[in-house]
Amino acid sequence: MAAEVKTTCPYCGVGCGVLATIDEAGAVSVKGDPEHPANFGRLCSKGSALAETIDLDGRLLYPEIAGERSDWDEALDLVARRFSETIAEHGPDAVAFYVSG
């Protein structure tokens, strides 16, 4: 028997309502929740593709440096050092972040 779960899209911060359905084989499908006031059943391309993003295959599950597994301290130190070097060489406007919700 398929189970339907009401949840929220994690992407942009609007908080669109999502209905996630898990079938007997464990496959997940998603659609917009028509009763949710943020999106009334509509989903953007990211929200519509949520079911494609829940698998761990092909995901980076630990830090890597130059294709080799690393620990978090070494990886974060490298990132901080490279940001500092870039800012020192090119100024504070050389670094920006794109963040969401």
PDB file of N, CA and C in Angstrom:
ATOM      1  N   MET A   1       0.842  -1.194   0.000  1.00  0.00           N
ATOM      2  CA  MET A   1       0.000   0.000   0.000  1.00  0.00           C
ATOM      3  C   MET A   1       0.883   1.253   0.000  1.00  0.00           C
ATOM      4  N   ALA A   2       0.622   2.166  -0.897  1.00  0.00           N
ATOM      5  CA  ALA A   2       1.390   3.403  -1.000  1.00  0.00           C
ATOM      6  C   ALA A   2       1.066   4.328   0.166  1.00  0.00           C
ATOM      7  N   ALA A   3       2.106   5.031   0.646  1.00  0.00           N
ATOM      8  CA  ALA A   3       1.929   5.976   1.741  1.00  0.00           C
ATOM      9  C   ALA A   3       2.195   7.377   1.224  1.00  0.00           C
ATOM     10  N   GLU A   4       1.310   8.325   1.554  1.00  0.00           N
ATOM     11  CA  GLU A   4       1.484   9.706   1.140  1.00  0.00           C
ATOM     12  C   GLU A   4       1.841  10.551   2.357  1.00  0.00           C
ATOM     13  N   VAL A   5       2.864  11.403   2.184  1.00  0.00           N
ATOM     14  CA  VAL A   5       3.339  12.244   3.272  1.00  0.00           C
ATOM     15  C   VAL A   5       3.282  13.697   2.824  1.00  0.00           C
ATOM     16  N   LYS A   6       2.670  14.550   3.663  1.00  0.00           N
ATOM     17  CA  LYS A   6       2.676  15.992   3.401  1.00  0.00           C
ATOM     18  C   LYS A   6       3.988  16.547   3.933  1.00  0.00           C
ATOM     19  N   THR A   7       4.684  17.297   3.081  1.00  0.00           N
ATOM     20  CA  THR A   7       5.958  17.873   3.487  1.00  0.00           C
ATOM     21  C   THR A   7       6.132  19.225   2.817  1.00  0.00           C
ATOM     22  N   THR A   8       7.297  19.799   2.964  1.00  0.00           N
ATOM     23  CA  THR A   8       7.586  21.123   2.429  1.00  0.00           C
ATOM     24  C   THR A   8       8.829  21.058   1.553  1.00  0.00           C
ATOM     25  N   CYS A   9       8.809  21.731   0.446  1.00  0.00           N
ATOM     26  CA  CYS A   9       9.965  21.796  -0.440  1.00  0.00           C
ATOM     27  C   CYS A   9      11.100  22.543   0.273  1.00  0.00           C
ATOM     28  N   PRO A  10      12.326  22.037   0.201  1.00  0.00           N
ATOM     29  CA  PRO A  10      13.445  22.657   0.920  1.00  0.00           C
ATOM     30  C   PRO A  10      14.218  23.715   0.143  1.00  0.00           C
ATOM     31  N   TYR A  11      13.839  24.018  -1.074  1.00  0.00           N
ATOM     32  CA  TYR A  11      14.725  24.803  -1.923  1.00  0.00           C
ATOM     33  C   TYR A  11      14.749  26.301  -1.647  1.00  0.00           C
ATOM     34  N   CYS A  12      13.809  27.058  -2.105  1.00  0.00           N
ATOM     35  CA  CYS A  12      13.993  28.509  -2.169  1.00  0.00           C
ATOM     36  C   CYS A  12      13.555  29.274  -0.921  1.00  0.00           C
ATOM     37  N   GLY A  13      12.814  28.694  -0.064  1.00  0.00           N
ATOM     38  CA  GLY A  13      12.352  29.411   1.112  1.00  0.00           C
ATOM     39  C   GLY A  13      10.898  29.831   1.047  1.00  0.00           C
ATOM     40  N   VAL A  14      10.230  29.630  -0.088  1.00  0.00           N
ATOM     41  CA  VAL A  14       8.799  29.940  -0.179  1.00  0.00           C
ATOM     42  C   VAL A  14       8.010  29.004   0.734  1.00  0.00           C
ATOM     43  N   GLY A  15       8.443  27.757   0.799  1.00  0.00           N
ATOM     44  CA  GLY A  15       7.765  26.782   1.648  1.00  0.00           C
ATOM     45  C   GLY A  15       6.614  26.094   0.953  1.00  0.00           C
ATOM     46  N   CYS A  16       6.761  25.789  -0.312  1.00  0.00           N
ATOM     47  CA  CYS A  16       5.686  25.132  -1.054  1.00  0.00           C
ATOM     48  C   CYS A  16       5.336  23.781  -0.442  1.00  0.00           C
ATOM     49  N   GLY A  17       4.056  23.477  -0.451  1.00  0.00           N
ATOM     50  CA  GLY A  17       3.576  22.200   0.049  1.00  0.00           C
ATOM     51  C   GLY A  17       3.788  21.108  -0.988  1.00  0.00           C
ATOM     52  N   VAL A  18       4.261  19.967  -0.519  1.00  0.00           N
ATOM     53  CA  VAL A  18       4.558  18.832  -1.385  1.00  0.00           C
ATOM     54  C   VAL A  18       3.877  17.597  -0.828  1.00  0.00           C
ATOM     55  N   LEU A  19       3.328  16.800  -1.716  1.00  0.00           N
ATOM     56  CA  LEU A  19       2.810  15.486  -1.357  1.00  0.00           C
ATOM     57  C   LEU A  19       3.791  14.456  -1.898  1.00  0.00           C
ATOM     58  N   ALA A  20       4.463  13.747  -1.011  1.00  0.00           N
ATOM     59  CA  ALA A  20       5.418  12.710  -1.411  1.00  0.00           C
ATOM     60  C   ALA A  20       4.748  11.360  -1.216  1.00  0.00           C
ATOM     61  N   THR A  21       4.801  10.543  -2.237  1.00  0.00           N
ATOM     62  CA  THR A  21       4.195   9.216  -2.188  1.00  0.00           C
ATOM     63  C   THR A  21       5.288   8.169  -2.308  1.00  0.00           C
ATOM     64  N   ILE A  22       5.249   7.204  -1.415  1.00  0.00           N
ATOM     65  CA  ILE A  22       6.199   6.095  -1.416  1.00  0.00           C
ATOM     66  C   ILE A  22       5.404   4.840  -1.753  1.00  0.00           C
ATOM     67  N   ASP A  23       5.760   4.207  -2.878  1.00  0.00           N
ATOM     68  CA  ASP A  23       5.004   3.016  -3.270  1.00  0.00           C
ATOM     69  C   ASP A  23       5.559   1.761  -2.587  1.00  0.00           C
ATOM     70  N   GLU A  24       4.939   0.631  -2.872  1.00  0.00           N
ATOM     71  CA  GLU A  24       5.291  -0.624  -2.215  1.00  0.00           C
ATOM     72  C   GLU A  24       6.750  -1.021  -2.455  1.00  0.00           C
ATOM     73  N   ALA A  25       7.307  -0.623  -3.586  1.00  0.00           N
ATOM     74  CA  ALA A  25       8.690  -0.958  -3.926  1.00  0.00           C
ATOM     75  C   ALA A  25       9.685   0.056  -3.349  1.00  0.00           C
ATOM     76  N   GLY A  26       9.185   1.098  -2.700  1.00  0.00           N
ATOM     77  CA  GLY A  26      10.052   2.114  -2.115  1.00  0.00           C
ATOM     78  C   GLY A  26      10.317   3.300  -3.011  1.00  0.00           C
ATOM     79  N   ALA A  27       9.736   3.305  -4.204  1.00  0.00           N
ATOM     80  CA  ALA A  27       9.932   4.438  -5.114  1.00  0.00           C
ATOM     81  C   ALA A  27       9.145   5.650  -4.614  1.00  0.00           C
ATOM     82  N   VAL A  28       9.746   6.807  -4.738  1.00  0.00           N
ATOM     83  CA  VAL A  28       9.129   8.044  -4.270  1.00  0.00           C
ATOM     84  C   VAL A  28       8.718   8.889  -5.464  1.00  0.00           C
ATOM     85  N   SER A  29       7.525   9.477  -5.379  1.00  0.00           N
ATOM     86  CA  SER A  29       7.086  10.457  -6.367  1.00  0.00           C
ATOM     87  C   SER A  29       6.572  11.673  -5.604  1.00  0.00           C
ATOM     88  N   VAL A  30       6.623  12.822  -6.245  1.00  0.00           N
ATOM     89  CA  VAL A  30       6.166  14.050  -5.600  1.00  0.00           C
ATOM     90  C   VAL A  30       5.224  14.814  -6.515  1.00  0.00           C
ATOM     91  N   LYS A  31       4.351  15.570  -5.872  1.00  0.00           N
ATOM     92  CA  LYS A  31       3.488  16.509  -6.586  1.00  0.00           C
ATOM     93  C   LYS A  31       3.151  17.624  -5.613  1.00  0.00           C
ATOM     94  N   GLY A  32       2.713  18.732  -6.155  1.00  0.00           N
ATOM     95  CA  GLY A  32       2.335  19.853  -5.306  1.00  0.00           C
ATOM     96  C   GLY A  32       1.074  19.548  -4.525  1.00  0.00           C
ATOM     97  N   ASP A  33       1.000  20.092  -3.312  1.00  0.00           N
ATOM     98  CA  ASP A  33      -0.170  19.921  -2.454  1.00  0.00           C
ATOM     99  C   ASP A  33      -1.209  20.980  -2.846  1.00  0.00           C
ATOM    100  N   PRO A  34      -2.325  20.555  -3.434  1.00  0.00           N
ATOM    101  CA  PRO A  34      -3.324  21.534  -3.888  1.00  0.00           C
ATOM    102  C   PRO A  34      -3.977  22.315  -2.750  1.00  0.00           C
ATOM    103  N   GLU A  35      -3.855  21.851  -1.524  1.00  0.00           N
ATOM    104  CA  GLU A  35      -4.447  22.543  -0.375  1.00  0.00           C
ATOM    105  C   GLU A  35      -3.475  23.511   0.300  1.00  0.00           C
ATOM    106  N   HIS A  36      -2.222  23.528  -0.129  1.00  0.00           N
ATOM    107  CA  HIS A  36      -1.227  24.368   0.533  1.00  0.00           C
ATOM    108  C   HIS A  36      -1.309  25.805   0.026  1.00  0.00           C
ATOM    109  N   PRO A  37      -1.397  26.783   0.934  1.00  0.00           N
ATOM    110  CA  PRO A  37      -1.603  28.172   0.511  1.00  0.00           C
ATOM    111  C   PRO A  37      -0.404  28.827  -0.173  1.00  0.00           C
ATOM    112  N   ALA A  38       0.780  28.251  -0.055  1.00  0.00           N
ATOM    113  CA  ALA A  38       1.945  28.867  -0.695  1.00  0.00           C
ATOM    114  C   ALA A  38       2.012  28.575  -2.184  1.00  0.00           C
ATOM    115  N   ASN A  39       1.485  27.423  -2.594  1.00  0.00           N
ATOM    116  CA  ASN A  39       1.643  27.048  -4.006  1.00  0.00           C
ATOM    117  C   ASN A  39       0.399  26.436  -4.646  1.00  0.00           C
ATOM    118  N   PHE A  40      -0.626  26.131  -3.864  1.00  0.00           N
ATOM    119  CA  PHE A  40      -1.901  25.596  -4.386  1.00  0.00           C
ATOM    120  C   PHE A  40      -1.691  24.478  -5.412  1.00  0.00           C
ATOM    121  N   GLY A  41      -0.717  23.594  -5.121  1.00  0.00           N
ATOM    122  CA  GLY A  41      -0.498  22.437  -5.979  1.00  0.00           C
ATOM    123  C   GLY A  41       0.541  22.626  -7.066  1.00  0.00           C
ATOM    124  N   ARG A  42       1.002  23.851  -7.262  1.00  0.00           N
ATOM    125  CA  ARG A  42       2.007  24.092  -8.301  1.00  0.00           C
ATOM    126  C   ARG A  42       3.404  23.911  -7.704  1.00  0.00           C
ATOM    127  N   LEU A  43       4.335  23.405  -8.521  1.00  0.00           N
ATOM    128  CA  LEU A  43       5.731  23.296  -8.117  1.00  0.00           C
ATOM    129  C   LEU A  43       6.617  23.783  -9.260  1.00  0.00           C
ATOM    130  N   CYS A  44       7.712  24.410  -8.898  1.00  0.00           N
ATOM    131  CA  CYS A  44       8.680  24.816  -9.917  1.00  0.00           C
ATOM    132  C   CYS A  44       9.474  23.586 -10.366  1.00  0.00           C
ATOM    133  N   SER A  45      10.427  23.775 -11.252  1.00  0.00           N
ATOM    134  CA  SER A  45      11.196  22.634 -11.767  1.00  0.00           C
ATOM    135  C   SER A  45      12.005  21.953 -10.667  1.00  0.00           C
ATOM    136  N   LYS A  46      12.530  22.719  -9.706  1.00  0.00           N
ATOM    137  CA  LYS A  46      13.283  22.093  -8.612  1.00  0.00           C
ATOM    138  C   LYS A  46      12.357  21.269  -7.727  1.00  0.00           C
ATOM    139  N   GLY A  47      11.236  21.828  -7.346  1.00  0.00           N
ATOM    140  CA  GLY A  47      10.288  21.098  -6.511  1.00  0.00           C
ATOM    141  C   GLY A  47       9.747  19.866  -7.201  1.00  0.00           C
ATOM    142  N   SER A  48       9.499  19.983  -8.485  1.00  0.00           N
ATOM    143  CA  SER A  48       8.986  18.846  -9.248  1.00  0.00           C
ATOM    144  C   SER A  48       9.995  17.707  -9.329  1.00  0.00           C
ATOM    145  N   ALA A  49      11.286  18.024  -9.197  1.00  0.00           N
ATOM    146  CA  ALA A  49      12.340  17.009  -9.309  1.00  0.00           C
ATOM    147  C   ALA A  49      12.819  16.502  -7.953  1.00  0.00           C
ATOM    148  N   LEU A  50      12.117  16.824  -6.886  1.00  0.00           N
ATOM    149  CA  LEU A  50      12.555  16.403  -5.549  1.00  0.00           C
ATOM    150  C   LEU A  50      12.792  14.897  -5.433  1.00  0.00           C
ATOM    151  N   ALA A  51      11.942  14.104  -6.022  1.00  0.00           N
ATOM    152  CA  ALA A  51      12.077  12.651  -5.902  1.00  0.00           C
ATOM    153  C   ALA A  51      13.387  12.157  -6.505  1.00  0.00           C
ATOM    154  N   GLU A  52      13.921  12.911  -7.452  1.00  0.00           N
ATOM    155  CA  GLU A  52      15.179  12.513  -8.098  1.00  0.00           C
ATOM    156  C   GLU A  52      16.390  12.837  -7.235  1.00  0.00           C
ATOM    157  N   THR A  53      16.197  13.557  -6.133  1.00  0.00           N
ATOM    158  CA  THR A  53      17.323  14.024  -5.330  1.00  0.00           C
ATOM    159  C   THR A  53      17.505  13.262  -4.020  1.00  0.00           C
ATOM    160  N   ILE A  54      16.696  12.253  -3.745  1.00  0.00           N
ATOM    161  CA  ILE A  54      16.764  11.605  -2.433  1.00  0.00           C
ATOM    162  C   ILE A  54      17.701  10.410  -2.377  1.00  0.00           C
ATOM    163  N   ASP A  55      18.260  10.012  -3.499  1.00  0.00           N
ATOM    164  CA  ASP A  55      19.172   8.876  -3.546  1.00  0.00           C
ATOM    165  C   ASP A  55      20.583   9.321  -3.155  1.00  0.00           C
ATOM    166  N   LEU A  56      21.344   8.458  -2.518  1.00  0.00           N
ATOM    167  CA  LEU A  56      22.718   8.792  -2.145  1.00  0.00           C
ATOM    168  C   LEU A  56      23.727   8.468  -3.238  1.00  0.00           C
ATOM    169  N   ASP A  57      23.326   7.726  -4.266  1.00  0.00           N
ATOM    170  CA  ASP A  57      24.247   7.369  -5.342  1.00  0.00           C
ATOM    171  C   ASP A  57      24.810   8.619  -6.002  1.00  0.00           C
ATOM    172  N   GLY A  58      26.113   8.654  -6.144  1.00  0.00           N
ATOM    173  CA  GLY A  58      26.768   9.757  -6.817  1.00  0.00           C
ATOM    174  C   GLY A  58      26.953  10.999  -5.972  1.00  0.00           C
ATOM    175  N   ARG A  59      26.563  10.964  -4.699  1.00  0.00           N
ATOM    176  CA  ARG A  59      26.716  12.136  -3.838  1.00  0.00           C
ATOM    177  C   ARG A  59      28.050  12.107  -3.110  1.00  0.00           C
ATOM    178  N   LEU A  60      28.571  13.278  -2.866  1.00  0.00           N
ATOM    179  CA  LEU A  60      29.792  13.418  -2.101  1.00  0.00           C
ATOM    180  C   LEU A  60      29.404  13.339  -0.624  1.00  0.00           C
ATOM    181  N   LEU A  61      29.868  12.309   0.069  1.00  0.00           N
ATOM    182  CA  LEU A  61      29.461  12.068   1.447  1.00  0.00           C
ATOM    183  C   LEU A  61      30.526  12.439   2.470  1.00  0.00           C
ATOM    184  N   TYR A  62      31.693  12.869   1.995  1.00  0.00           N
ATOM    185  CA  TYR A  62      32.779  13.301   2.859  1.00  0.00           C
ATOM    186  C   TYR A  62      33.636  14.270   2.049  1.00  0.00           C
ATOM    187  N   PRO A  63      34.455  15.074   2.721  1.00  0.00           N
ATOM    188  CA  PRO A  63      35.261  16.046   1.972  1.00  0.00           C
ATOM    189  C   PRO A  63      36.349  15.360   1.153  1.00  0.00           C
ATOM    190  N   GLU A  64      36.675  15.990   0.025  1.00  0.00           N
ATOM    191  CA  GLU A  64      37.776  15.536  -0.817  1.00  0.00           C
ATOM    192  C   GLU A  64      38.618  16.746  -1.206  1.00  0.00           C
ATOM    193  N   ILE A  65      39.914  16.525  -1.308  1.00  0.00           N
ATOM    194  CA  ILE A  65      40.838  17.536  -1.808  1.00  0.00           C
ATOM    195  C   ILE A  65      41.592  16.899  -2.962  1.00  0.00           C
ATOM    196  N   ALA A  66      41.502  17.506  -4.125  1.00  0.00           N
ATOM    197  CA  ALA A  66      42.157  16.996  -5.338  1.00  0.00           C
ATOM    198  C   ALA A  66      41.774  15.540  -5.601  1.00  0.00           C
ATOM    199  N   GLY A  67      40.506  15.206  -5.357  1.00  0.00           N
ATOM    200  CA  GLY A  67      40.004  13.868  -5.643  1.00  0.00           C
ATOM    201  C   GLY A  67      40.321  12.821  -4.599  1.00  0.00           C
ATOM    202  N   GLU A  68      40.984  13.222  -3.519  1.00  0.00           N
ATOM    203  CA  GLU A  68      41.332  12.284  -2.444  1.00  0.00           C
ATOM    204  C   GLU A  68      40.531  12.603  -1.191  1.00  0.00           C
ATOM    205  N   ARG A  69      40.100  11.563  -0.496  1.00  0.00           N
ATOM    206  CA  ARG A  69      39.339  11.763   0.733  1.00  0.00           C
ATOM    207  C   ARG A  69      40.162  12.541   1.756  1.00  0.00           C
ATOM    208  N   SER A  70      39.476  13.439   2.452  1.00  0.00           N
ATOM    209  CA  SER A  70      40.113  14.303   3.434  1.00  0.00           C
ATOM    210  C   SER A  70      39.254  14.325   4.691  1.00  0.00           C
ATOM    211  N   ASP A  71      39.758  14.936   5.756  1.00  0.00           N
ATOM    212  CA  ASP A  71      38.897  15.143   6.921  1.00  0.00           C
ATOM    213  C   ASP A  71      38.366  16.576   6.884  1.00  0.00           C
ATOM    214  N   TRP A  72      37.362  16.839   7.714  1.00  0.00           N
ATOM    215  CA  TRP A  72      36.695  18.142   7.671  1.00  0.00           C
ATOM    216  C   TRP A  72      37.635  19.278   8.039  1.00  0.00           C
ATOM    217  N   ASP A  73      38.490  19.092   9.044  1.00  0.00           N
ATOM    218  CA  ASP A  73      39.388  20.172   9.452  1.00  0.00           C
ATOM    219  C   ASP A  73      40.312  20.582   8.314  1.00  0.00           C
ATOM    220  N   GLU A  74      40.915  19.611   7.651  1.00  0.00           N
ATOM    221  CA  GLU A  74      41.822  19.910   6.547  1.00  0.00           C
ATOM    222  C   GLU A  74      41.077  20.602   5.392  1.00  0.00           C
ATOM    223  N   ALA A  75      39.886  20.099   5.055  1.00  0.00           N
ATOM    224  CA  ALA A  75      39.116  20.670   3.946  1.00  0.00           C
ATOM    225  C   ALA A  75      38.664  22.094   4.254  1.00  0.00           C
ATOM    226  N   LEU A  76      38.167  22.325   5.452  1.00  0.00           N
ATOM    227  CA  LEU A  76      37.710  23.671   5.810  1.00  0.00           C
ATOM    228  C   LEU A  76      38.875  24.642   5.922  1.00  0.00           C
ATOM    229  N   ASP A  77      40.014  24.186   6.426  1.00  0.00           N
ATOM    230  CA  ASP A  77      41.202  25.044   6.470  1.00  0.00           C
ATOM    231  C   ASP A  77      41.627  25.458   5.063  1.00  0.00           C
ATOM    232  N   LEU A  78      41.571  24.510   4.122  1.00  0.00           N
ATOM    233  CA  LEU A  78      41.918  24.815   2.741  1.00  0.00           C
ATOM    234  C   LEU A  78      40.970  25.864   2.148  1.00  0.00           C
ATOM    235  N   VAL A  79      39.683  25.681   2.356  1.00  0.00           N
ATOM    236  CA  VAL A  79      38.697  26.638   1.835  1.00  0.00           C
ATOM    237  C   VAL A  79      38.927  28.023   2.438  1.00  0.00           C
ATOM    238  N   ALA A  80      39.126  28.087   3.753  1.00  0.00           N
ATOM    239  CA  ALA A  80      39.359  29.379   4.408  1.00  0.00           C
ATOM    240  C   ALA A  80      40.633  30.036   3.877  1.00  0.00           C
ATOM    241  N   ARG A  81      41.686  29.248   3.691  1.00  0.00           N
ATOM    242  CA  ARG A  81      42.940  29.793   3.188  1.00  0.00           C
ATOM    243  C   ARG A  81      42.780  30.332   1.762  1.00  0.00           C
ATOM    244  N   ARG A  82      42.083  29.577   0.920  1.00  0.00           N
ATOM    245  CA  ARG A  82      41.895  30.013  -0.470  1.00  0.00           C
ATOM    246  C   ARG A  82      41.030  31.272  -0.557  1.00  0.00           C
ATOM    247  N   PHE A  83      39.989  31.357   0.283  1.00  0.00           N
ATOM    248  CA  PHE A  83      39.188  32.575   0.318  1.00  0.00           C
ATOM    249  C   PHE A  83      40.061  33.757   0.749  1.00  0.00           C
ATOM    250  N   SER A  84      40.860  33.573   1.781  1.00  0.00           N
ATOM    251  CA  SER A  84      41.732  34.650   2.264  1.00  0.00           C
ATOM    252  C   SER A  84      42.719  35.076   1.191  1.00  0.00           C
ATOM    253  N   GLU A  85      43.317  34.128   0.484  1.00  0.00           N
ATOM    254  CA  GLU A  85      44.264  34.436  -0.583  1.00  0.00           C
ATOM    255  C   GLU A  85      43.576  35.204  -1.718  1.00  0.00           C
ATOM    256  N   THR A  86      42.388  34.773  -2.080  1.00  0.00           N
ATOM    257  CA  THR A  86      41.652  35.439  -3.159  1.00  0.00           C
ATOM    258  C   THR A  86      41.307  36.866  -2.779  1.00  0.00           C
ATOM    259  N   ILE A  87      40.852  37.069  -1.562  1.00  0.00           N
ATOM    260  CA  ILE A  87      40.488  38.409  -1.091  1.00  0.00           C
ATOM    261  C   ILE A  87      41.731  39.292  -1.016  1.00  0.00           C
ATOM    262  N   ALA A  88      42.843  38.736  -0.528  1.00  0.00           N
ATOM    263  CA  ALA A  88      44.085  39.513  -0.433  1.00  0.00           C
ATOM    264  C   ALA A  88      44.570  39.935  -1.814  1.00  0.00           C
ATOM    265  N   GLU A  89      44.436  39.057  -2.804  1.00  0.00           N
ATOM    266  CA  GLU A  89      44.927  39.351  -4.145  1.00  0.00           C
ATOM    267  C   GLU A  89      43.979  40.227  -4.960  1.00  0.00           C
ATOM    268  N   HIS A  90      42.667  40.011  -4.819  1.00  0.00           N
ATOM    269  CA  HIS A  90      41.695  40.662  -5.706  1.00  0.00           C
ATOM    270  C   HIS A  90      40.714  41.596  -5.001  1.00  0.00           C
ATOM    271  N   GLY A  91      40.779  41.680  -3.696  1.00  0.00           N
ATOM    272  CA  GLY A  91      39.890  42.559  -2.948  1.00  0.00           C
ATOM    273  C   GLY A  91      38.637  41.850  -2.446  1.00  0.00           C
ATOM    274  N   PRO A  92      37.921  42.498  -1.522  1.00  0.00           N
ATOM    275  CA  PRO A  92      36.772  41.855  -0.879  1.00  0.00           C
ATOM    276  C   PRO A  92      35.598  41.555  -1.810  1.00  0.00           C
ATOM    277  N   ASP A  93      35.510  42.239  -2.940  1.00  0.00           N
ATOM    278  CA  ASP A  93      34.420  41.960  -3.872  1.00  0.00           C
ATOM    279  C   ASP A  93      34.701  40.756  -4.763  1.00  0.00           C
ATOM    280  N   ALA A  94      35.852  40.110  -4.566  1.00  0.00           N
ATOM    281  CA  ALA A  94      36.210  38.949  -5.384  1.00  0.00           C
ATOM    282  C   ALA A  94      35.502  37.679  -4.923  1.00  0.00           C
ATOM    283  N   VAL A  95      34.877  37.733  -3.754  1.00  0.00           N
ATOM    284  CA  VAL A  95      34.199  36.553  -3.203  1.00  0.00           C
ATOM    285  C   VAL A  95      32.745  36.902  -2.940  1.00  0.00           C
ATOM    286  N   ALA A  96      31.871  36.038  -3.382  1.00  0.00           N
ATOM    287  CA  ALA A  96      30.431  36.224  -3.139  1.00  0.00           C
ATOM    288  C   ALA A  96      29.808  34.860  -2.888  1.00  0.00           C
ATOM    289  N   PHE A  97      28.653  34.850  -2.289  1.00  0.00           N
ATOM    290  CA  PHE A  97      27.936  33.614  -2.022  1.00  0.00           C
ATOM    291  C   PHE A  97      26.534  33.715  -2.618  1.00  0.00           C
ATOM    292  N   TYR A  98      26.078  32.654  -3.208  1.00  0.00           N
ATOM    293  CA  TYR A  98      24.683  32.556  -3.645  1.00  0.00           C
ATOM    294  C   TYR A  98      24.016  31.601  -2.668  1.00  0.00           C
ATOM    295  N   VAL A  99      23.089  32.119  -1.889  1.00  0.00           N
ATOM    296  CA  VAL A  99      22.376  31.301  -0.912  1.00  0.00           C
ATOM    297  C   VAL A  99      20.883  31.435  -1.136  1.00  0.00           C
ATOM    298  N   SER A 100      20.141  30.558  -0.529  1.00  0.00           N
ATOM    299  CA  SER A 100      18.710  30.567  -0.714  1.00  0.00           C
ATOM    300  C   SER A 100      18.034  30.210   0.595  1.00  0.00           C
ATOM    301  N   GLY A 101      16.729  30.518   0.651  1.00  0.00           N
ATOM    302  CA  GLY A 101      15.849  30.191   1.742  1.00  0.00           C
ATOM    303  C   GLY A 101      16.541  29.917   3.006  1.00  0.00           C
TER     304      GLY A 101
END
